[in-house]
PDB file of N, CA and C in Angstrom:
ATOM      1  N   MET A   1      45.558  70.863  40.635  1.00  0.00           N
ATOM      2  CA  MET A   1      46.846  70.413  40.118  1.00  0.00           C
ATOM      3  C   MET A   1      46.754  70.285  38.595  1.00  0.00           C
ATOM      4  N   ALA A   2      47.720  70.835  37.881  1.00  0.00           N
ATOM      5  CA  ALA A   2      47.748  70.769  36.423  1.00  0.00           C
ATOM      6  C   ALA A   2      47.989  69.338  35.937  1.00  0.00           C
ATOM      7  N   TRP A   3      47.418  69.054  34.774  1.00  0.00           N
ATOM      8  CA  TRP A   3      47.635  67.778  34.100  1.00  0.00           C
ATOM      9  C   TRP A   3      48.134  68.060  32.692  1.00  0.00           C
ATOM     10  N   TYR A   4      48.968  67.170  32.195  1.00  0.00           N
ATOM     11  CA  TYR A   4      49.578  67.330  30.883  1.00  0.00           C
ATOM     12  C   TYR A   4      49.192  66.180  29.971  1.00  0.00           C
ATOM     13  N   PHE A   5      48.834  66.530  28.753  1.00  0.00           N
ATOM     14  CA  PHE A   5      48.557  65.578  27.682  1.00  0.00           C
ATOM     15  C   PHE A   5      49.786  65.584  26.786  1.00  0.00           C
ATOM     16  N   ILE A   6      50.435  64.427  26.638  1.00  0.00           N
ATOM     17  CA  ILE A   6      51.685  64.319  25.889  1.00  0.00           C
ATOM     18  C   ILE A   6      51.502  63.247  24.817  1.00  0.00           C
ATOM     19  N   VAL A   7      51.762  63.609  23.581  1.00  0.00           N
ATOM     20  CA  VAL A   7      51.569  62.649  22.488  1.00  0.00           C
ATOM     21  C   VAL A   7      52.712  62.754  21.494  1.00  0.00           C
ATOM     22  N   ASP A   8      53.135  61.591  20.992  1.00  0.00           N
ATOM     23  CA  ASP A   8      54.055  61.601  19.860  1.00  0.00           C
ATOM     24  C   ASP A   8      53.386  60.862  18.712  1.00  0.00           C
ATOM     25  N   THR A   9      53.677  61.328  17.510  1.00  0.00           N
ATOM     26  CA  THR A   9      52.981  60.853  16.320  1.00  0.00           C
ATOM     27  C   THR A   9      53.984  60.321  15.302  1.00  0.00           C
ATOM     28  N   TYR A  10      53.599  59.203  14.704  1.00  0.00           N
ATOM     29  CA  TYR A  10      54.418  58.541  13.700  1.00  0.00           C
ATOM     30  C   TYR A  10      53.636  58.533  12.391  1.00  0.00           C
ATOM     31  N   ILE A  11      54.214  59.105  11.359  1.00  0.00           N
ATOM     32  CA  ILE A  11      53.554  59.225  10.067  1.00  0.00           C
ATOM     33  C   ILE A  11      54.164  58.190   9.122  1.00  0.00           C
ATOM     34  N   ASN A  12      53.307  57.366   8.535  1.00  0.00           N
ATOM     35  CA  ASN A  12      53.750  56.352   7.593  1.00  0.00           C
ATOM     36  C   ASN A  12      54.154  57.046   6.293  1.00  0.00           C
ATOM     37  N   GLU A  13      55.430  56.981   5.950  1.00  0.00           N
ATOM     38  CA  GLU A  13      55.933  57.702   4.778  1.00  0.00           C
ATOM     39  C   GLU A  13      55.280  57.219   3.491  1.00  0.00           C
ATOM     40  N   GLU A  14      54.951  55.931   3.389  1.00  0.00           N
ATOM     41  CA  GLU A  14      54.315  55.405   2.182  1.00  0.00           C
ATOM     42  C   GLU A  14      52.850  55.831   2.097  1.00  0.00           C
ATOM     43  N   LYS A  15      52.162  55.828   3.218  1.00  0.00           N
ATOM     44  CA  LYS A  15      50.737  56.169   3.255  1.00  0.00           C
ATOM     45  C   LYS A  15      50.518  57.680   3.214  1.00  0.00           C
ATOM     46  N   GLY A  16      51.427  58.421   3.804  1.00  0.00           N
ATOM     47  CA  GLY A  16      51.295  59.873   3.847  1.00  0.00           C
ATOM     48  C   GLY A  16      50.458  60.335   5.026  1.00  0.00           C
ATOM     49  N   ARG A  17      50.111  61.613   5.041  1.00  0.00           N
ATOM     50  CA  ARG A  17      49.420  62.242   6.161  1.00  0.00           C
ATOM     51  C   ARG A  17      47.907  62.134   6.075  1.00  0.00           C
ATOM     52  N   GLY A  18      47.380  61.878   4.882  1.00  0.00           N
ATOM     53  CA  GLY A  18      45.933  61.780   4.729  1.00  0.00           C
ATOM     54  C   GLY A  18      45.225  63.010   5.267  1.00  0.00           C
ATOM     55  N   GLU A  19      44.242  62.796   6.138  1.00  0.00           N
ATOM     56  CA  GLU A  19      43.464  63.881   6.729  1.00  0.00           C
ATOM     57  C   GLU A  19      44.075  64.425   8.022  1.00  0.00           C
ATOM     58  N   TYR A  20      45.294  64.024   8.329  1.00  0.00           N
ATOM     59  CA  TYR A  20      45.910  64.442   9.591  1.00  0.00           C
ATOM     60  C   TYR A  20      46.060  65.957   9.697  1.00  0.00           C
ATOM     61  N   ASP A  21      46.387  66.628   8.618  1.00  0.00           N
ATOM     62  CA  ASP A  21      46.514  68.088   8.676  1.00  0.00           C
ATOM     63  C   ASP A  21      45.165  68.748   8.984  1.00  0.00           C
ATOM     64  N   GLU A  22      44.086  68.176   8.473  1.00  0.00           N
ATOM     65  CA  GLU A  22      42.751  68.686   8.814  1.00  0.00           C
ATOM     66  C   GLU A  22      42.498  68.519  10.315  1.00  0.00           C
ATOM     67  N   TYR A  23      42.898  67.384  10.861  1.00  0.00           N
ATOM     68  CA  TYR A  23      42.765  67.134  12.297  1.00  0.00           C
ATOM     69  C   TYR A  23      43.555  68.173  13.094  1.00  0.00           C
ATOM     70  N   ILE A  24      44.799  68.428  12.693  1.00  0.00           N
ATOM     71  CA  ILE A  24      45.650  69.396  13.392  1.00  0.00           C
ATOM     72  C   ILE A  24      44.962  70.760  13.467  1.00  0.00           C
ATOM     73  N   ASN A  25      44.392  71.196  12.355  1.00  0.00           N
ATOM     74  CA  ASN A  25      43.720  72.495  12.328  1.00  0.00           C
ATOM     75  C   ASN A  25      42.439  72.509  13.153  1.00  0.00           C
ATOM     76  N   ALA A  26      41.719  71.404  13.172  1.00  0.00           N
ATOM     77  CA  ALA A  26      40.436  71.355  13.883  1.00  0.00           C
ATOM     78  C   ALA A  26      40.596  71.138  15.386  1.00  0.00           C
ATOM     79  N   VAL A  27      41.628  70.450  15.831  1.00  0.00           N
ATOM     80  CA  VAL A  27      41.746  70.085  17.241  1.00  0.00           C
ATOM     81  C   VAL A  27      42.150  71.257  18.126  1.00  0.00           C
ATOM     82  N   LYS A  28      42.958  72.160  17.616  1.00  0.00           N
ATOM     83  CA  LYS A  28      43.477  73.254  18.442  1.00  0.00           C
ATOM     84  C   LYS A  28      42.361  74.081  19.092  1.00  0.00           C
ATOM     85  N   PRO A  29      41.359  74.572  18.355  1.00  0.00           N
ATOM     86  CA  PRO A  29      40.307  75.343  19.023  1.00  0.00           C
ATOM     87  C   PRO A  29      39.487  74.518  20.013  1.00  0.00           C
ATOM     88  N   ILE A  30      39.348  73.230  19.762  1.00  0.00           N
ATOM     89  CA  ILE A  30      38.622  72.368  20.706  1.00  0.00           C
ATOM     90  C   ILE A  30      39.392  72.287  22.017  1.00  0.00           C
ATOM     91  N   VAL A  31      40.676  71.987  21.923  1.00  0.00           N
ATOM     92  CA  VAL A  31      41.532  71.881  23.115  1.00  0.00           C
ATOM     93  C   VAL A  31      41.509  73.193  23.890  1.00  0.00           C
ATOM     94  N   GLU A  32      41.660  74.294  23.178  1.00  0.00           N
ATOM     95  CA  GLU A  32      41.692  75.596  23.846  1.00  0.00           C
ATOM     96  C   GLU A  32      40.355  75.950  24.490  1.00  0.00           C
ATOM     97  N   SER A  33      39.246  75.470  23.938  1.00  0.00           N
ATOM     98  CA  SER A  33      37.934  75.754  24.533  1.00  0.00           C
ATOM     99  C   SER A  33      37.755  75.055  25.879  1.00  0.00           C
ATOM    100  N   TYR A  34      38.552  74.030  26.142  1.00  0.00           N
ATOM    101  CA  TYR A  34      38.528  73.332  27.434  1.00  0.00           C
ATOM    102  C   TYR A  34      39.671  73.796  28.336  1.00  0.00           C
ATOM    103  N   GLY A  35      40.292  74.894  27.986  1.00  0.00           N
ATOM    104  CA  GLY A  35      41.349  75.459  28.812  1.00  0.00           C
ATOM    105  C   GLY A  35      42.726  74.883  28.546  1.00  0.00           C
ATOM    106  N   GLY A  36      42.874  74.053  27.534  1.00  0.00           N
ATOM    107  CA  GLY A  36      44.181  73.492  27.207  1.00  0.00           C
ATOM    108  C   GLY A  36      45.097  74.551  26.628  1.00  0.00           C
ATOM    109  N   LYS A  37      46.341  74.537  27.064  1.00  0.00           N
ATOM    110  CA  LYS A  37      47.351  75.469  26.568  1.00  0.00           C
ATOM    111  C   LYS A  37      48.490  74.656  25.953  1.00  0.00           C
ATOM    112  N   TYR A  38      48.736  74.898  24.671  1.00  0.00           N
ATOM    113  CA  TYR A  38      49.812  74.185  23.987  1.00  0.00           C
ATOM    114  C   TYR A  38      51.157  74.695  24.470  1.00  0.00           C
ATOM    115  N   LEU A  39      51.974  73.794  24.978  1.00  0.00           N
ATOM    116  CA  LEU A  39      53.336  74.117  25.380  1.00  0.00           C
ATOM    117  C   LEU A  39      54.329  73.701  24.300  1.00  0.00           C
ATOM    118  N   VAL A  40      54.021  72.599  23.624  1.00  0.00           N
ATOM    119  CA  VAL A  40      54.845  72.092  22.525  1.00  0.00           C
ATOM    120  C   VAL A  40      53.889  71.575  21.451  1.00  0.00           C
ATOM    121  N   ARG A  41      54.154  71.953  20.214  1.00  0.00           N
ATOM    122  CA  ARG A  41      53.370  71.474  19.063  1.00  0.00           C
ATOM    123  C   ARG A  41      54.288  71.612  17.861  1.00  0.00           C
ATOM    124  N   THR A  42      55.094  70.549  17.601  1.00  0.00           N
ATOM    125  CA  THR A  42      56.179  70.710  16.631  1.00  0.00           C
ATOM    126  C   THR A  42      56.509  69.426  15.880  1.00  0.00           C
ATOM    127  N   GLU A  43      57.074  69.625  14.705  1.00  0.00           N
ATOM    128  CA  GLU A  43      57.683  68.551  13.930  1.00  0.00           C
ATOM    129  C   GLU A  43      59.196  68.748  13.848  1.00  0.00           C
ATOM    130  N   ASN A  44      59.692  69.743  14.544  1.00  0.00           N
ATOM    131  CA  ASN A  44      61.123  70.023  14.602  1.00  0.00           C
ATOM    132  C   ASN A  44      61.694  69.290  15.813  1.00  0.00           C
ATOM    133  N   LEU A  45      62.152  68.068  15.608  1.00  0.00           N
ATOM    134  CA  LEU A  45      62.563  67.185  16.700  1.00  0.00           C
ATOM    135  C   LEU A  45      63.980  66.676  16.495  1.00  0.00           C
ATOM    136  N   GLN A  46      64.610  66.350  17.589  1.00  0.00           N
ATOM    137  CA  GLN A  46      65.902  65.669  17.574  1.00  0.00           C
ATOM    138  C   GLN A  46      65.748  64.414  18.413  1.00  0.00           C
ATOM    139  N   THR A  47      65.943  63.266  17.805  1.00  0.00           N
ATOM    140  CA  THR A  47      65.782  61.991  18.493  1.00  0.00           C
ATOM    141  C   THR A  47      67.039  61.650  19.284  1.00  0.00           C
ATOM    142  N   LEU A  48      66.836  61.254  20.540  1.00  0.00           N
ATOM    143  CA  LEU A  48      67.957  60.870  21.397  1.00  0.00           C
ATOM    144  C   LEU A  48      68.029  59.363  21.597  1.00  0.00           C
ATOM    145  N   SER A  49      67.000  58.648  21.137  1.00  0.00           N
ATOM    146  CA  SER A  49      66.943  57.200  21.297  1.00  0.00           C
ATOM    147  C   SER A  49      66.579  56.574  19.956  1.00  0.00           C
ATOM    148  N   GLY A  50      67.294  55.565  19.561  1.00  0.00           N
ATOM    149  CA  GLY A  50      67.028  54.902  18.287  1.00  0.00           C
ATOM    150  C   GLY A  50      65.699  54.178  18.222  1.00  0.00           C
ATOM    151  N   GLU A  51      65.145  53.790  19.372  1.00  0.00           N
ATOM    152  CA  GLU A  51      63.895  53.029  19.390  1.00  0.00           C
ATOM    153  C   GLU A  51      62.673  53.909  19.174  1.00  0.00           C
ATOM    154  N   ARG A  52      62.818  55.187  19.396  1.00  0.00           N
ATOM    155  CA  ARG A  52      61.669  56.090  19.357  1.00  0.00           C
ATOM    156  C   ARG A  52      62.003  57.254  18.430  1.00  0.00           C
ATOM    157  N   ASN A  53      61.258  57.351  17.328  1.00  0.00           N
ATOM    158  CA  ASN A  53      61.558  58.370  16.341  1.00  0.00           C
ATOM    159  C   ASN A  53      60.264  59.012  15.821  1.00  0.00           C
ATOM    160  N   PRO A  54      59.549  59.749  16.663  1.00  0.00           N
ATOM    161  CA  PRO A  54      58.300  60.357  16.208  1.00  0.00           C
ATOM    162  C   PRO A  54      58.563  61.501  15.232  1.00  0.00           C
ATOM    163  N   GLN A  55      57.556  61.778  14.399  1.00  0.00           N
ATOM    164  CA  GLN A  55      57.657  62.900  13.478  1.00  0.00           C
ATOM    165  C   GLN A  55      57.026  64.168  14.051  1.00  0.00           C
ATOM    166  N   ARG A  56      56.234  64.029  15.118  1.00  0.00           N
ATOM    167  CA  ARG A  56      55.546  65.182  15.704  1.00  0.00           C
ATOM    168  C   ARG A  56      55.350  64.915  17.196  1.00  0.00           C
ATOM    169  N   VAL A  57      55.485  65.973  18.015  1.00  0.00           N
ATOM    170  CA  VAL A  57      55.264  65.869  19.460  1.00  0.00           C
ATOM    171  C   VAL A  57      54.387  67.032  19.900  1.00  0.00           C
ATOM    172  N   ILE A  58      53.439  66.715  20.781  1.00  0.00           N
ATOM    173  CA  ILE A  58      52.523  67.718  21.315  1.00  0.00           C
ATOM    174  C   ILE A  58      52.478  67.575  22.830  1.00  0.00           C
ATOM    175  N   VAL A  59      52.552  68.710  23.550  1.00  0.00           N
ATOM    176  CA  VAL A  59      52.365  68.741  24.999  1.00  0.00           C
ATOM    177  C   VAL A  59      51.357  69.846  25.283  1.00  0.00           C
ATOM    178  N   VAL A  60      50.266  69.466  25.965  1.00  0.00           N
ATOM    179  CA  VAL A  60      49.211  70.418  26.299  1.00  0.00           C
ATOM    180  C   VAL A  60      49.007  70.406  27.804  1.00  0.00           C
ATOM    181  N   ARG A  61      48.913  71.595  28.390  1.00  0.00           N
ATOM    182  CA  ARG A  61      48.680  71.736  29.833  1.00  0.00           C
ATOM    183  C   ARG A  61      47.218  72.085  30.067  1.00  0.00           C
ATOM    184  N   PHE A  62      46.582  71.342  30.968  1.00  0.00           N
ATOM    185  CA  PHE A  62      45.226  71.617  31.424  1.00  0.00           C
ATOM    186  C   PHE A  62      45.278  71.958  32.903  1.00  0.00           C
ATOM    187  N   GLU A  63      44.415  72.825  33.347  1.00  0.00           N
ATOM    188  CA  GLU A  63      44.377  73.229  34.756  1.00  0.00           C
ATOM    189  C   GLU A  63      44.059  72.060  35.684  1.00  0.00           C
ATOM    190  N   ASP A  64      43.266  71.114  35.178  1.00  0.00           N
ATOM    191  CA  ASP A  64      42.920  69.955  36.004  1.00  0.00           C
ATOM    192  C   ASP A  64      42.562  68.776  35.110  1.00  0.00           C
ATOM    193  N   LYS A  65      42.489  67.614  35.723  1.00  0.00           N
ATOM    194  CA  LYS A  65      42.230  66.382  34.985  1.00  0.00           C
ATOM    195  C   LYS A  65      40.822  66.357  34.396  1.00  0.00           C
ATOM    196  N   SER A  66      39.860  66.957  35.074  1.00  0.00           N
ATOM    197  CA  SER A  66      38.482  66.916  34.582  1.00  0.00           C
ATOM    198  C   SER A  66      38.342  67.673  33.258  1.00  0.00           C
ATOM    199  N   ASN A  67      39.026  68.796  33.096  1.00  0.00           N
ATOM    200  CA  ASN A  67      38.974  69.512  31.817  1.00  0.00           C
ATOM    201  C   ASN A  67      39.652  68.717  30.708  1.00  0.00           C
ATOM    202  N   LEU A  68      40.765  68.081  31.021  1.00  0.00           N
ATOM    203  CA  LEU A  68      41.456  67.242  30.040  1.00  0.00           C
ATOM    204  C   LEU A  68      40.540  66.112  29.582  1.00  0.00           C
ATOM    205  N   GLU A  69      39.943  65.418  30.532  1.00  0.00           N
ATOM    206  CA  GLU A  69      39.066  64.298  30.192  1.00  0.00           C
ATOM    207  C   GLU A  69      37.837  64.764  29.424  1.00  0.00           C
ATOM    208  N   ALA A  70      37.266  65.896  29.819  1.00  0.00           N
ATOM    209  CA  ALA A  70      36.080  66.425  29.130  1.00  0.00           C
ATOM    210  C   ALA A  70      36.416  66.780  27.685  1.00  0.00           C
ATOM    211  N   CYS A  71      37.589  67.333  27.464  1.00  0.00           N
ATOM    212  CA  CYS A  71      38.008  67.703  26.118  1.00  0.00           C
ATOM    213  C   CYS A  71      38.015  66.500  25.188  1.00  0.00           C
ATOM    214  N   PHE A  72      38.700  65.442  25.590  1.00  0.00           N
ATOM    215  CA  PHE A  72      38.877  64.301  24.706  1.00  0.00           C
ATOM    216  C   PHE A  72      37.679  63.348  24.699  1.00  0.00           C
ATOM    217  N   ALA A  73      36.679  63.614  25.552  1.00  0.00           N
ATOM    218  CA  ALA A  73      35.427  62.860  25.526  1.00  0.00           C
ATOM    219  C   ALA A  73      34.307  63.667  24.858  1.00  0.00           C
ATOM    220  N   SER A  74      34.614  64.893  24.448  1.00  0.00           N
ATOM    221  CA  SER A  74      33.578  65.788  23.917  1.00  0.00           C
ATOM    222  C   SER A  74      33.080  65.344  22.541  1.00  0.00           C
ATOM    223  N   ASP A  75      31.850  65.746  22.241  1.00  0.00           N
ATOM    224  CA  ASP A  75      31.276  65.474  20.926  1.00  0.00           C
ATOM    225  C   ASP A  75      32.119  66.113  19.827  1.00  0.00           C
ATOM    226  N   GLU A  76      32.607  67.332  20.079  1.00  0.00           N
ATOM    227  CA  GLU A  76      33.413  68.042  19.076  1.00  0.00           C
ATOM    228  C   GLU A  76      34.674  67.253  18.734  1.00  0.00           C
ATOM    229  N   TYR A  77      35.328  66.736  19.769  1.00  0.00           N
ATOM    230  CA  TYR A  77      36.548  65.967  19.523  1.00  0.00           C
ATOM    231  C   TYR A  77      36.225  64.647  18.831  1.00  0.00           C
ATOM    232  N   ASN A  78      35.182  63.989  19.274  1.00  0.00           N
ATOM    233  CA  ASN A  78      34.817  62.710  18.667  1.00  0.00           C
ATOM    234  C   ASN A  78      34.439  62.838  17.200  1.00  0.00           C
ATOM    235  N   MET A  79      34.023  64.023  16.774  1.00  0.00           N
ATOM    236  CA  MET A  79      33.689  64.239  15.361  1.00  0.00           C
ATOM    237  C   MET A  79      34.935  64.279  14.473  1.00  0.00           C
ATOM    238  N   ILE A  80      36.109  64.566  15.041  1.00  0.00           N
ATOM    239  CA  ILE A  80      37.323  64.686  14.219  1.00  0.00           C
ATOM    240  C   ILE A  80      38.372  63.613  14.489  1.00  0.00           C
ATOM    241  N   VAL A  81      38.230  62.854  15.550  1.00  0.00           N
ATOM    242  CA  VAL A  81      39.298  61.935  15.966  1.00  0.00           C
ATOM    243  C   VAL A  81      39.644  60.904  14.889  1.00  0.00           C
ATOM    244  N   SER A  82      38.697  60.521  14.054  1.00  0.00           N
ATOM    245  CA  SER A  82      38.993  59.534  13.005  1.00  0.00           C
ATOM    246  C   SER A  82      40.020  60.062  12.008  1.00  0.00           C
ATOM    247  N   LYS A  83      40.095  61.384  11.836  1.00  0.00           N
ATOM    248  CA  LYS A  83      41.090  61.970  10.931  1.00  0.00           C
ATOM    249  C   LYS A  83      42.510  61.707  11.430  1.00  0.00           C
ATOM    250  N   ARG A  84      42.669  61.533  12.734  1.00  0.00           N
ATOM    251  CA  ARG A  84      43.970  61.166  13.299  1.00  0.00           C
ATOM    252  C   ARG A  84      44.131  59.656  13.306  1.00  0.00           C
ATOM    253  N   LYS A  85      43.151  58.970  13.860  1.00  0.00           N
ATOM    254  CA  LYS A  85      43.253  57.519  14.016  1.00  0.00           C
ATOM    255  C   LYS A  85      43.434  56.785  12.693  1.00  0.00           C
ATOM    256  N   ASN A  86      42.783  57.275  11.642  1.00  0.00           N
ATOM    257  CA  ASN A  86      42.828  56.587  10.349  1.00  0.00           C
ATOM    258  C   ASN A  86      44.058  56.933   9.521  1.00  0.00           C
ATOM    259  N   ASN A  87      44.873  57.864   9.992  1.00  0.00           N
ATOM    260  CA  ASN A  87      45.961  58.336   9.151  1.00  0.00           C
ATOM    261  C   ASN A  87      47.352  58.288   9.760  1.00  0.00           C
ATOM    262  N   VAL A  88      47.462  58.331  11.087  1.00  0.00           N
ATOM    263  CA  VAL A  88      48.774  58.298  11.729  1.00  0.00           C
ATOM    264  C   VAL A  88      48.728  57.407  12.967  1.00  0.00           C
ATOM    265  N   ASP A  89      49.894  56.998  13.415  1.00  0.00           N
ATOM    266  CA  ASP A  89      50.033  56.228  14.642  1.00  0.00           C
ATOM    267  C   ASP A  89      50.448  57.197  15.744  1.00  0.00           C
ATOM    268  N   SER A  90      49.595  57.360  16.743  1.00  0.00           N
ATOM    269  CA  SER A  90      49.881  58.284  17.836  1.00  0.00           C
ATOM    270  C   SER A  90      49.954  57.536  19.148  1.00  0.00           C
ATOM    271  N   ARG A  91      50.855  57.960  20.013  1.00  0.00           N
ATOM    272  CA  ARG A  91      51.014  57.378  21.347  1.00  0.00           C
ATOM    273  C   ARG A  91      50.859  58.494  22.359  1.00  0.00           C
ATOM    274  N   ALA A  92      49.858  58.397  23.225  1.00  0.00           N
ATOM    275  CA  ALA A  92      49.571  59.482  24.169  1.00  0.00           C
ATOM    276  C   ALA A  92      49.605  58.981  25.597  1.00  0.00           C
ATOM    277  N   VAL A  93      49.993  59.881  26.487  1.00  0.00           N
ATOM    278  CA  VAL A  93      49.912  59.660  27.926  1.00  0.00           C
ATOM    279  C   VAL A  93      49.416  60.952  28.555  1.00  0.00           C
ATOM    280  N   ILE A  94      48.839  60.812  29.753  1.00  0.00           N
ATOM    281  CA  ILE A  94      48.535  62.000  30.541  1.00  0.00           C
ATOM    282  C   ILE A  94      49.337  61.887  31.829  1.00  0.00           C
ATOM    283  N   ALA A  95      49.749  63.053  32.344  1.00  0.00           N
ATOM    284  CA  ALA A  95      50.602  63.044  33.526  1.00  0.00           C
ATOM    285  C   ALA A  95      50.214  64.209  34.439  1.00  0.00           C
ATOM    286  N   GLU A  96      50.192  63.932  35.723  1.00  0.00           N
ATOM    287  CA  GLU A  96      49.937  64.968  36.708  1.00  0.00           C
ATOM    288  C   GLU A  96      51.179  65.815  36.875  1.00  0.00           C
ATOM    289  N   GLY A  97      50.994  67.140  36.936  1.00  0.00           N
ATOM    290  CA  GLY A  97      52.123  68.042  37.128  1.00  0.00           C
ATOM    291  C   GLY A  97      52.584  68.071  38.575  1.00  0.00           C
ATOM    292  N   ILE A  98      53.724  68.701  38.792  1.00  0.00           N
ATOM    293  CA  ILE A  98      54.246  68.824  40.159  1.00  0.00           C
ATOM    294  C   ILE A  98      54.094  70.251  40.645  1.00  0.00           C
TER     295      ILE A  98
END
């Protein structure tokens, strides 16, 4: 059963993006090496709710939960994750597909 990694990102306008663009460039090959397929990776958004206004949304499909978990627990990912954590506010969920 496919699993989906869904994240929205909030960029502090005063602080800026910092190393986040470096993270964006580095994470894609890592995700793809674990079989992740990007379905959505955009900053072109239209907000439908006033409470939630992300600047970026990402949806990645993995063939199974074990590949998703292995990806985000990998040494390669752990080497770059601080570039995201230290620069933007991200909210992620994983969801089983139907």
